[in-house]
Amino acid sequence: MAQAGVVRIGREHQRTLRQLAERMGESMRAVVEKAIDELKRKQFFEEFNTAYGTIRNDPKAWKEELEERRYSAEVLRDDLESKEIWSEDGSVIIGG
């Protein structure tokens, strides 16, 4: 296991962290790690949405994006039989 670091937090945040850990039935470390993961995920999607908005608001870039999607959709279908039907569970049925 990697060596743990030490982070100092204020008393009020430490009290809140302890209460959350007790309510969740988790260690304080686990609660902090979950909070970090959630913040990381939130930041990722904020950056993703900003980048998507930039492309969406640029007519030339958006046109290129749509063309790439159409191309990808065609490539993904290359190996499919024309009568294949895919169910939601991922199984395939060959139609008659």
PDB file of N, CA and C in Angstrom:
ATOM      1  N   MET A   1       0.848  -1.180   0.000  1.00  0.00           N
ATOM      2  CA  MET A   1       0.000   0.000   0.000  1.00  0.00           C
ATOM      3  C   MET A   1       0.891   1.240   0.000  1.00  0.00           C
ATOM      4  N   ALA A   2       0.510   2.224  -0.763  1.00  0.00           N
ATOM      5  CA  ALA A   2       1.272   3.465  -0.840  1.00  0.00           C
ATOM      6  C   ALA A   2       1.189   4.208   0.492  1.00  0.00           C
ATOM      7  N   GLN A   3       2.226   4.958   0.754  1.00  0.00           N
ATOM      8  CA  GLN A   3       2.249   5.741   1.989  1.00  0.00           C
ATOM      9  C   GLN A   3       1.168   6.817   1.940  1.00  0.00           C
ATOM     10  N   ALA A   4       0.453   6.952   3.031  1.00  0.00           N
ATOM     11  CA  ALA A   4      -0.627   7.937   3.103  1.00  0.00           C
ATOM     12  C   ALA A   4      -0.062   9.322   3.359  1.00  0.00           C
ATOM     13  N   GLY A   5      -0.722  10.328   2.793  1.00  0.00           N
ATOM     14  CA  GLY A   5      -0.354  11.709   3.051  1.00  0.00           C
ATOM     15  C   GLY A   5      -1.228  12.266   4.156  1.00  0.00           C
ATOM     16  N   VAL A   6      -0.838  13.402   4.650  1.00  0.00           N
ATOM     17  CA  VAL A   6      -1.603  14.055   5.703  1.00  0.00           C
ATOM     18  C   VAL A   6      -2.142  15.367   5.156  1.00  0.00           C
ATOM     19  N   VAL A   7      -3.426  15.580   5.344  1.00  0.00           N
ATOM     20  CA  VAL A   7      -4.064  16.822   4.925  1.00  0.00           C
ATOM     21  C   VAL A   7      -4.744  17.404   6.155  1.00  0.00           C
ATOM     22  N   ARG A   8      -4.466  18.651   6.423  1.00  0.00           N
ATOM     23  CA  ARG A   8      -5.093  19.302   7.572  1.00  0.00           C
ATOM     24  C   ARG A   8      -6.378  19.986   7.119  1.00  0.00           C
ATOM     25  N   ILE A   9      -7.423  19.772   7.915  1.00  0.00           N
ATOM     26  CA  ILE A   9      -8.692  20.435   7.645  1.00  0.00           C
ATOM     27  C   ILE A   9      -9.156  21.114   8.929  1.00  0.00           C
ATOM     28  N   GLY A  10     -10.034  22.075   8.769  1.00  0.00           N
ATOM     29  CA  GLY A  10     -10.555  22.789   9.926  1.00  0.00           C
ATOM     30  C   GLY A  10     -11.405  21.896  10.810  1.00  0.00           C
ATOM     31  N   ARG A  11     -11.590  22.321  12.048  1.00  0.00           N
ATOM     32  CA  ARG A  11     -12.351  21.531  13.023  1.00  0.00           C
ATOM     33  C   ARG A  11     -13.785  21.266  12.562  1.00  0.00           C
ATOM     34  N   GLU A  12     -14.418  22.275  12.003  1.00  0.00           N
ATOM     35  CA  GLU A  12     -15.808  22.104  11.569  1.00  0.00           C
ATOM     36  C   GLU A  12     -15.908  21.058  10.459  1.00  0.00           C
ATOM     37  N   HIS A  13     -14.977  21.088   9.501  1.00  0.00           N
ATOM     38  CA  HIS A  13     -14.980  20.091   8.433  1.00  0.00           C
ATOM     39  C   HIS A  13     -14.637  18.710   8.984  1.00  0.00           C
ATOM     40  N   GLN A  14     -13.754  18.656   9.948  1.00  0.00           N
ATOM     41  CA  GLN A  14     -13.426  17.360  10.545  1.00  0.00           C
ATOM     42  C   GLN A  14     -14.643  16.788  11.272  1.00  0.00           C
ATOM     43  N   ARG A  15     -15.378  17.628  11.968  1.00  0.00           N
ATOM     44  CA  ARG A  15     -16.593  17.201  12.671  1.00  0.00           C
ATOM     45  C   ARG A  15     -17.621  16.693  11.646  1.00  0.00           C
ATOM     46  N   THR A  16     -17.790  17.445  10.573  1.00  0.00           N
ATOM     47  CA  THR A  16     -18.723  17.041   9.517  1.00  0.00           C
ATOM     48  C   THR A  16     -18.286  15.723   8.889  1.00  0.00           C
ATOM     49  N   LEU A  17     -17.003  15.585   8.637  1.00  0.00           N
ATOM     50  CA  LEU A  17     -16.472  14.352   8.061  1.00  0.00           C
ATOM     51  C   LEU A  17     -16.741  13.172   8.980  1.00  0.00           C
ATOM     52  N   ARG A  18     -16.515  13.348  10.250  1.00  0.00           N
ATOM     53  CA  ARG A  18     -16.765  12.276  11.204  1.00  0.00           C
ATOM     54  C   ARG A  18     -18.248  11.894  11.209  1.00  0.00           C
ATOM     55  N   GLN A  19     -19.133  12.891  11.200  1.00  0.00           N
ATOM     56  CA  GLN A  19     -20.571  12.619  11.198  1.00  0.00           C
ATOM     57  C   GLN A  19     -20.992  11.883   9.925  1.00  0.00           C
ATOM     58  N   LEU A  20     -20.468  12.330   8.793  1.00  0.00           N
ATOM     59  CA  LEU A  20     -20.792  11.651   7.534  1.00  0.00           C
ATOM     60  C   LEU A  20     -20.327  10.202   7.559  1.00  0.00           C
ATOM     61  N   ALA A  21     -19.125   9.988   8.043  1.00  0.00           N
ATOM     62  CA  ALA A  21     -18.578   8.635   8.106  1.00  0.00           C
ATOM     63  C   ALA A  21     -19.444   7.744   8.986  1.00  0.00           C
ATOM     64  N   GLU A  22     -19.871   8.276  10.113  1.00  0.00           N
ATOM     65  CA  GLU A  22     -20.726   7.489  11.009  1.00  0.00           C
ATOM     66  C   GLU A  22     -22.060   7.165  10.346  1.00  0.00           C
ATOM     67  N   ARG A  23     -22.678   8.166   9.715  1.00  0.00           N
ATOM     68  CA  ARG A  23     -23.974   7.939   9.065  1.00  0.00           C
ATOM     69  C   ARG A  23     -23.867   6.973   7.900  1.00  0.00           C
ATOM     70  N   MET A  24     -22.744   7.032   7.203  1.00  0.00           N
ATOM     71  CA  MET A  24     -22.563   6.169   6.035  1.00  0.00           C
ATOM     72  C   MET A  24     -22.022   4.791   6.418  1.00  0.00           C
ATOM     73  N   GLY A  25     -21.571   4.658   7.647  1.00  0.00           N
ATOM     74  CA  GLY A  25     -20.973   3.389   8.065  1.00  0.00           C
ATOM     75  C   GLY A  25     -19.655   3.132   7.382  1.00  0.00           C
ATOM     76  N   GLU A  26     -18.920   4.195   7.129  1.00  0.00           N
ATOM     77  CA  GLU A  26     -17.643   4.103   6.414  1.00  0.00           C
ATOM     78  C   GLU A  26     -16.558   4.768   7.237  1.00  0.00           C
ATOM     79  N   SER A  27     -15.327   4.518   6.874  1.00  0.00           N
ATOM     80  CA  SER A  27     -14.215   5.216   7.518  1.00  0.00           C
ATOM     81  C   SER A  27     -14.157   6.642   6.984  1.00  0.00           C
ATOM     82  N   MET A  28     -13.526   7.508   7.744  1.00  0.00           N
ATOM     83  CA  MET A  28     -13.373   8.884   7.274  1.00  0.00           C
ATOM     84  C   MET A  28     -12.549   8.904   5.988  1.00  0.00           C
ATOM     85  N   ARG A  29     -11.561   8.037   5.913  1.00  0.00           N
ATOM     86  CA  ARG A  29     -10.746   7.956   4.698  1.00  0.00           C
ATOM     87  C   ARG A  29     -11.611   7.610   3.493  1.00  0.00           C
ATOM     88  N   ALA A  30     -12.507   6.626   3.651  1.00  0.00           N
ATOM     89  CA  ALA A  30     -13.375   6.223   2.543  1.00  0.00           C
ATOM     90  C   ALA A  30     -14.279   7.373   2.113  1.00  0.00           C
ATOM     91  N   VAL A  31     -14.791   8.123   3.080  1.00  0.00           N
ATOM     92  CA  VAL A  31     -15.658   9.258   2.756  1.00  0.00           C
ATOM     93  C   VAL A  31     -14.874  10.317   1.986  1.00  0.00           C
ATOM     94  N   VAL A  32     -13.652  10.616   2.429  1.00  0.00           N
ATOM     95  CA  VAL A  32     -12.818  11.602   1.728  1.00  0.00           C
ATOM     96  C   VAL A  32     -12.516  11.122   0.316  1.00  0.00           C
ATOM     97  N   GLU A  33     -12.183   9.849   0.160  1.00  0.00           N
ATOM     98  CA  GLU A  33     -11.875   9.315  -1.169  1.00  0.00           C
ATOM     99  C   GLU A  33     -13.089   9.373  -2.086  1.00  0.00           C
ATOM    100  N   LYS A  34     -14.275   9.082  -1.551  1.00  0.00           N
ATOM    101  CA  LYS A  34     -15.496   9.188  -2.359  1.00  0.00           C
ATOM    102  C   LYS A  34     -15.754  10.637  -2.766  1.00  0.00           C
ATOM    103  N   ALA A  35     -15.524  11.554  -1.841  1.00  0.00           N
ATOM    104  CA  ALA A  35     -15.724  12.976  -2.152  1.00  0.00           C
ATOM    105  C   ALA A  35     -14.764  13.422  -3.251  1.00  0.00           C
ATOM    106  N   ILE A  36     -13.525  12.984  -3.174  1.00  0.00           N
ATOM    107  CA  ILE A  36     -12.536  13.336  -4.201  1.00  0.00           C
ATOM    108  C   ILE A  36     -12.954  12.757  -5.547  1.00  0.00           C
ATOM    109  N   ASP A  37     -13.379  11.489  -5.557  1.00  0.00           N
ATOM    110  CA  ASP A  37     -13.829  10.861  -6.807  1.00  0.00           C
ATOM    111  C   ASP A  37     -15.010  11.621  -7.408  1.00  0.00           C
ATOM    112  N   GLU A  38     -15.946  12.034  -6.557  1.00  0.00           N
ATOM    113  CA  GLU A  38     -17.119  12.766  -7.035  1.00  0.00           C
ATOM    114  C   GLU A  38     -16.721  14.127  -7.615  1.00  0.00           C
ATOM    115  N   LEU A  39     -15.817  14.822  -6.952  1.00  0.00           N
ATOM    116  CA  LEU A  39     -15.349  16.116  -7.465  1.00  0.00           C
ATOM    117  C   LEU A  39     -14.607  15.941  -8.794  1.00  0.00           C
ATOM    118  N   LYS A  40     -13.810  14.878  -8.879  1.00  0.00           N
ATOM    119  CA  LYS A  40     -13.078  14.598 -10.123  1.00  0.00           C
ATOM    120  C   LYS A  40     -14.052  14.329 -11.266  1.00  0.00           C
ATOM    121  N   ARG A  41     -15.082  13.522 -10.989  1.00  0.00           N
ATOM    122  CA  ARG A  41     -16.106  13.214 -12.003  1.00  0.00           C
ATOM    123  C   ARG A  41     -16.861  14.482 -12.409  1.00  0.00           C
ATOM    124  N   LYS A  42     -17.210  15.311 -11.435  1.00  0.00           N
ATOM    125  CA  LYS A  42     -17.925  16.561 -11.707  1.00  0.00           C
ATOM    126  C   LYS A  42     -17.075  17.483 -12.583  1.00  0.00           C
ATOM    127  N   GLN A  43     -15.793  17.597 -12.259  1.00  0.00           N
ATOM    128  CA  GLN A  43     -14.911  18.446 -13.050  1.00  0.00           C
ATOM    129  C   GLN A  43     -14.781  17.915 -14.477  1.00  0.00           C
ATOM    130  N   PHE A  44     -14.657  16.592 -14.617  1.00  0.00           N
ATOM    131  CA  PHE A  44     -14.557  15.995 -15.953  1.00  0.00           C
ATOM    132  C   PHE A  44     -15.756  16.385 -16.806  1.00  0.00           C
ATOM    133  N   PHE A  45     -16.963  16.215 -16.257  1.00  0.00           N
ATOM    134  CA  PHE A  45     -18.161  16.500 -17.046  1.00  0.00           C
ATOM    135  C   PHE A  45     -18.341  17.992 -17.298  1.00  0.00           C
ATOM    136  N   GLU A  46     -17.915  18.833 -16.382  1.00  0.00           N
ATOM    137  CA  GLU A  46     -17.968  20.279 -16.653  1.00  0.00           C
ATOM    138  C   GLU A  46     -17.051  20.633 -17.821  1.00  0.00           C
ATOM    139  N   GLU A  47     -15.843  20.070 -17.828  1.00  0.00           N
ATOM    140  CA  GLU A  47     -14.910  20.322 -18.933  1.00  0.00           C
ATOM    141  C   GLU A  47     -15.434  19.723 -20.233  1.00  0.00           C
ATOM    142  N   PHE A  48     -16.004  18.529 -20.150  1.00  0.00           N
ATOM    143  CA  PHE A  48     -16.582  17.882 -21.328  1.00  0.00           C
ATOM    144  C   PHE A  48     -17.699  18.730 -21.905  1.00  0.00           C
ATOM    145  N   ASN A  49     -18.609  19.189 -21.050  1.00  0.00           N
ATOM    146  CA  ASN A  49     -19.732  19.999 -21.513  1.00  0.00           C
ATOM    147  C   ASN A  49     -19.270  21.310 -22.121  1.00  0.00           C
ATOM    148  N   THR A  50     -18.227  21.906 -21.559  1.00  0.00           N
ATOM    149  CA  THR A  50     -17.679  23.143 -22.125  1.00  0.00           C
ATOM    150  C   THR A  50     -17.122  22.878 -23.523  1.00  0.00           C
ATOM    151  N   ALA A  51     -16.361  21.799 -23.663  1.00  0.00           N
ATOM    152  CA  ALA A  51     -15.785  21.460 -24.970  1.00  0.00           C
ATOM    153  C   ALA A  51     -16.892  21.135 -25.978  1.00  0.00           C
ATOM    154  N   TYR A  52     -17.895  20.389 -25.546  1.00  0.00           N
ATOM    155  CA  TYR A  52     -19.010  20.055 -26.428  1.00  0.00           C
ATOM    156  C   TYR A  52     -19.729  21.324 -26.866  1.00  0.00           C
ATOM    157  N   GLY A  53     -19.953  22.233 -25.929  1.00  0.00           N
ATOM    158  CA  GLY A  53     -20.617  23.493 -26.257  1.00  0.00           C
ATOM    159  C   GLY A  53     -19.831  24.304 -27.272  1.00  0.00           C
ATOM    160  N   THR A  54     -18.518  24.266 -27.135  1.00  0.00           N
ATOM    161  CA  THR A  54     -17.656  24.989 -28.075  1.00  0.00           C
ATOM    162  C   THR A  54     -17.828  24.433 -29.483  1.00  0.00           C
ATOM    163  N   ILE A  55     -17.818  23.116 -29.597  1.00  0.00           N
ATOM    164  CA  ILE A  55     -17.996  22.483 -30.917  1.00  0.00           C
ATOM    165  C   ILE A  55     -19.410  22.734 -31.439  1.00  0.00           C
ATOM    166  N   ARG A  56     -20.379  22.588 -30.558  1.00  0.00           N
ATOM    167  CA  ARG A  56     -21.785  22.744 -30.961  1.00  0.00           C
ATOM    168  C   ARG A  56     -22.081  24.157 -31.462  1.00  0.00           C
ATOM    169  N   ASN A  57     -21.399  25.133 -30.927  1.00  0.00           N
ATOM    170  CA  ASN A  57     -21.634  26.529 -31.310  1.00  0.00           C
ATOM    171  C   ASN A  57     -20.787  26.996 -32.487  1.00  0.00           C
ATOM    172  N   ASP A  58     -19.959  26.103 -33.024  1.00  0.00           N
ATOM    173  CA  ASP A  58     -19.137  26.426 -34.189  1.00  0.00           C
ATOM    174  C   ASP A  58     -19.705  25.626 -35.367  1.00  0.00           C
ATOM    175  N   PRO A  59     -20.409  26.289 -36.302  1.00  0.00           N
ATOM    176  CA  PRO A  59     -21.076  25.550 -37.389  1.00  0.00           C
ATOM    177  C   PRO A  59     -20.138  24.623 -38.169  1.00  0.00           C
ATOM    178  N   LYS A  60     -18.929  25.067 -38.456  1.00  0.00           N
ATOM    179  CA  LYS A  60     -17.995  24.227 -39.217  1.00  0.00           C
ATOM    180  C   LYS A  60     -17.583  23.003 -38.393  1.00  0.00           C
ATOM    181  N   ALA A  61     -17.229  23.226 -37.132  1.00  0.00           N
ATOM    182  CA  ALA A  61     -16.822  22.117 -36.269  1.00  0.00           C
ATOM    183  C   ALA A  61     -17.979  21.153 -36.047  1.00  0.00           C
ATOM    184  N   TRP A  62     -19.193  21.676 -35.898  1.00  0.00           N
ATOM    185  CA  TRP A  62     -20.359  20.824 -35.680  1.00  0.00           C
ATOM    186  C   TRP A  62     -20.655  19.979 -36.915  1.00  0.00           C
ATOM    187  N   LYS A  63     -20.509  20.564 -38.086  1.00  0.00           N
ATOM    188  CA  LYS A  63     -20.717  19.822 -39.330  1.00  0.00           C
ATOM    189  C   LYS A  63     -19.712  18.675 -39.430  1.00  0.00           C
ATOM    190  N   GLU A  64     -18.448  18.950 -39.073  1.00  0.00           N
ATOM    191  CA  GLU A  64     -17.422  17.899 -39.092  1.00  0.00           C
ATOM    192  C   GLU A  64     -17.749  16.795 -38.096  1.00  0.00           C
ATOM    193  N   GLU A  65     -18.241  17.189 -36.929  1.00  0.00           N
ATOM    194  CA  GLU A  65     -18.623  16.211 -35.903  1.00  0.00           C
ATOM    195  C   GLU A  65     -19.729  15.293 -36.415  1.00  0.00           C
ATOM    196  N   LEU A  66     -20.750  15.871 -37.017  1.00  0.00           N
ATOM    197  CA  LEU A  66     -21.860  15.070 -37.534  1.00  0.00           C
ATOM    198  C   LEU A  66     -21.408  14.145 -38.658  1.00  0.00           C
ATOM    199  N   GLU A  67     -20.503  14.622 -39.513  1.00  0.00           N
ATOM    200  CA  GLU A  67     -19.970  13.775 -40.586  1.00  0.00           C
ATOM    201  C   GLU A  67     -19.176  12.609 -40.000  1.00  0.00           C
ATOM    202  N   GLU A  68     -18.404  12.885 -38.964  1.00  0.00           N
ATOM    203  CA  GLU A  68     -17.624  11.824 -38.323  1.00  0.00           C
ATOM    204  C   GLU A  68     -18.553  10.798 -37.665  1.00  0.00           C
ATOM    205  N   ARG A  69     -19.632  11.254 -37.079  1.00  0.00           N
ATOM    206  CA  ARG A  69     -20.597  10.333 -36.472  1.00  0.00           C
ATOM    207  C   ARG A  69     -21.231   9.436 -37.524  1.00  0.00           C
ATOM    208  N   ARG A  70     -21.602  10.039 -38.666  1.00  0.00           N
ATOM    209  CA  ARG A  70     -22.209   9.242 -39.739  1.00  0.00           C
ATOM    210  C   ARG A  70     -21.218   8.192 -40.241  1.00  0.00           C
ATOM    211  N   TYR A  71     -19.979   8.600 -40.416  1.00  0.00           N
ATOM    212  CA  TYR A  71     -18.948   7.669 -40.876  1.00  0.00           C
ATOM    213  C   TYR A  71     -18.768   6.541 -39.865  1.00  0.00           C
ATOM    214  N   SER A  72     -18.684   6.900 -38.590  1.00  0.00           N
ATOM    215  CA  SER A  72     -18.493   5.885 -37.544  1.00  0.00           C
ATOM    216  C   SER A  72     -19.656   4.916 -37.503  1.00  0.00           C
ATOM    217  N   ALA A  73     -20.853   5.412 -37.672  1.00  0.00           N
ATOM    218  CA  ALA A  73     -22.032   4.544 -37.649  1.00  0.00           C
ATOM    219  C   ALA A  73     -21.964   3.533 -38.791  1.00  0.00           C
ATOM    220  N   GLU A  74     -21.499   3.970 -39.948  1.00  0.00           N
ATOM    221  CA  GLU A  74     -21.371   3.064 -41.085  1.00  0.00           C
ATOM    222  C   GLU A  74     -20.295   2.024 -40.828  1.00  0.00           C
ATOM    223  N   VAL A  75     -19.166   2.444 -40.295  1.00  0.00           N
ATOM    224  CA  VAL A  75     -18.068   1.517 -40.020  1.00  0.00           C
ATOM    225  C   VAL A  75     -18.499   0.485 -38.989  1.00  0.00           C
ATOM    226  N   LEU A  76     -19.227   0.914 -37.976  1.00  0.00           N
ATOM    227  CA  LEU A  76     -19.665  -0.007 -36.934  1.00  0.00           C
ATOM    228  C   LEU A  76     -20.618  -1.062 -37.473  1.00  0.00           C
ATOM    229  N   ARG A  77     -21.324  -0.757 -38.538  1.00  0.00           N
ATOM    230  CA  ARG A  77     -22.276  -1.711 -39.119  1.00  0.00           C
ATOM    231  C   ARG A  77     -21.636  -2.625 -40.163  1.00  0.00           C
ATOM    232  N   ASP A  78     -20.374  -2.425 -40.508  1.00  0.00           N
ATOM    233  CA  ASP A  78     -19.743  -3.184 -41.580  1.00  0.00           C
ATOM    234  C   ASP A  78     -19.871  -4.690 -41.437  1.00  0.00           C
ATOM    235  N   ASP A  79     -19.717  -5.231 -40.241  1.00  0.00           N
ATOM    236  CA  ASP A  79     -19.734  -6.680 -40.065  1.00  0.00           C
ATOM    237  C   ASP A  79     -21.112  -7.235 -39.726  1.00  0.00           C
ATOM    238  N   LEU A  80     -22.121  -6.425 -39.726  1.00  0.00           N
ATOM    239  CA  LEU A  80     -23.448  -6.900 -39.365  1.00  0.00           C
ATOM    240  C   LEU A  80     -24.131  -7.532 -40.569  1.00  0.00           C
ATOM    241  N   GLU A  81     -24.814  -8.604 -40.283  1.00  0.00           N
ATOM    242  CA  GLU A  81     -25.647  -9.202 -41.314  1.00  0.00           C
ATOM    243  C   GLU A  81     -26.857  -8.295 -41.502  1.00  0.00           C
ATOM    244  N   SER A  82     -27.365  -8.209 -42.709  1.00  0.00           N
ATOM    245  CA  SER A  82     -28.475  -7.304 -42.969  1.00  0.00           C
ATOM    246  C   SER A  82     -29.734  -7.698 -42.208  1.00  0.00           C
ATOM    247  N   LYS A  83     -29.838  -8.962 -41.808  1.00  0.00           N
ATOM    248  CA  LYS A  83     -31.040  -9.411 -41.112  1.00  0.00           C
ATOM    249  C   LYS A  83     -30.825  -9.572 -39.604  1.00  0.00           C
ATOM    250  N   GLU A  84     -29.701  -9.075 -39.083  1.00  0.00           N
ATOM    251  CA  GLU A  84     -29.456  -9.186 -37.647  1.00  0.00           C
ATOM    252  C   GLU A  84     -30.350  -8.229 -36.872  1.00  0.00           C
ATOM    253  N   ILE A  85     -30.850  -8.723 -35.789  1.00  0.00           N
ATOM    254  CA  ILE A  85     -31.634  -7.893 -34.873  1.00  0.00           C
ATOM    255  C   ILE A  85     -30.984  -8.041 -33.499  1.00  0.00           C
ATOM    256  N   TRP A  86     -30.634  -6.934 -32.885  1.00  0.00           N
ATOM    257  CA  TRP A  86     -29.972  -6.961 -31.577  1.00  0.00           C
ATOM    258  C   TRP A  86     -30.973  -6.651 -30.485  1.00  0.00           C
ATOM    259  N   SER A  87     -30.960  -7.492 -29.455  1.00  0.00           N
ATOM    260  CA  SER A  87     -31.849  -7.258 -28.320  1.00  0.00           C
ATOM    261  C   SER A  87     -31.145  -6.376 -27.292  1.00  0.00           C
ATOM    262  N   GLU A  88     -31.893  -5.899 -26.314  1.00  0.00           N
ATOM    263  CA  GLU A  88     -31.321  -5.011 -25.301  1.00  0.00           C
ATOM    264  C   GLU A  88     -30.277  -5.709 -24.450  1.00  0.00           C
ATOM    265  N   ASP A  89     -30.348  -7.035 -24.309  1.00  0.00           N
ATOM    266  CA  ASP A  89     -29.362  -7.749 -23.500  1.00  0.00           C
ATOM    267  C   ASP A  89     -28.083  -8.039 -24.281  1.00  0.00           C
ATOM    268  N   GLY A  90     -28.002  -7.603 -25.513  1.00  0.00           N
ATOM    269  CA  GLY A  90     -26.785  -7.765 -26.312  1.00  0.00           C
ATOM    270  C   GLY A  90     -26.758  -9.004 -27.154  1.00  0.00           C
ATOM    271  N   SER A  91     -27.788  -9.818 -27.104  1.00  0.00           N
ATOM    272  CA  SER A  91     -27.810 -11.020 -27.940  1.00  0.00           C
ATOM    273  C   SER A  91     -28.324 -10.662 -29.330  1.00  0.00           C
ATOM    274  N   VAL A  92     -27.979 -11.498 -30.269  1.00  0.00           N
ATOM    275  CA  VAL A  92     -28.369 -11.227 -31.641  1.00  0.00           C
ATOM    276  C   VAL A  92     -29.265 -12.347 -32.165  1.00  0.00           C
ATOM    277  N   ILE A  93     -30.246 -11.954 -32.931  1.00  0.00           N
ATOM    278  CA  ILE A  93     -31.180 -12.893 -33.552  1.00  0.00           C
ATOM    279  C   ILE A  93     -31.081 -12.671 -35.053  1.00  0.00           C
ATOM    280  N   ILE A  94     -30.848 -13.711 -35.798  1.00  0.00           N
ATOM    281  CA  ILE A  94     -30.804 -13.599 -37.253  1.00  0.00           C
ATOM    282  C   ILE A  94     -32.238 -13.744 -37.750  1.00  0.00           C
ATOM    283  N   GLY A  95     -32.719 -12.688 -38.407  1.00  0.00           N
ATOM    284  CA  GLY A  95     -34.091 -12.698 -38.907  1.00  0.00           C
ATOM    285  C   GLY A  95     -34.241 -13.545 -40.154  1.00  0.00           C
ATOM    286  N   GLY A  96     -35.481 -13.853 -40.524  1.00  0.00           N
ATOM    287  CA  GLY A  96     -35.757 -14.704 -41.664  1.00  0.00           C
ATOM    288  C   GLY A  96     -35.950 -13.964 -42.870  1.00  0.00           C
TER     289      GLY A  96
END
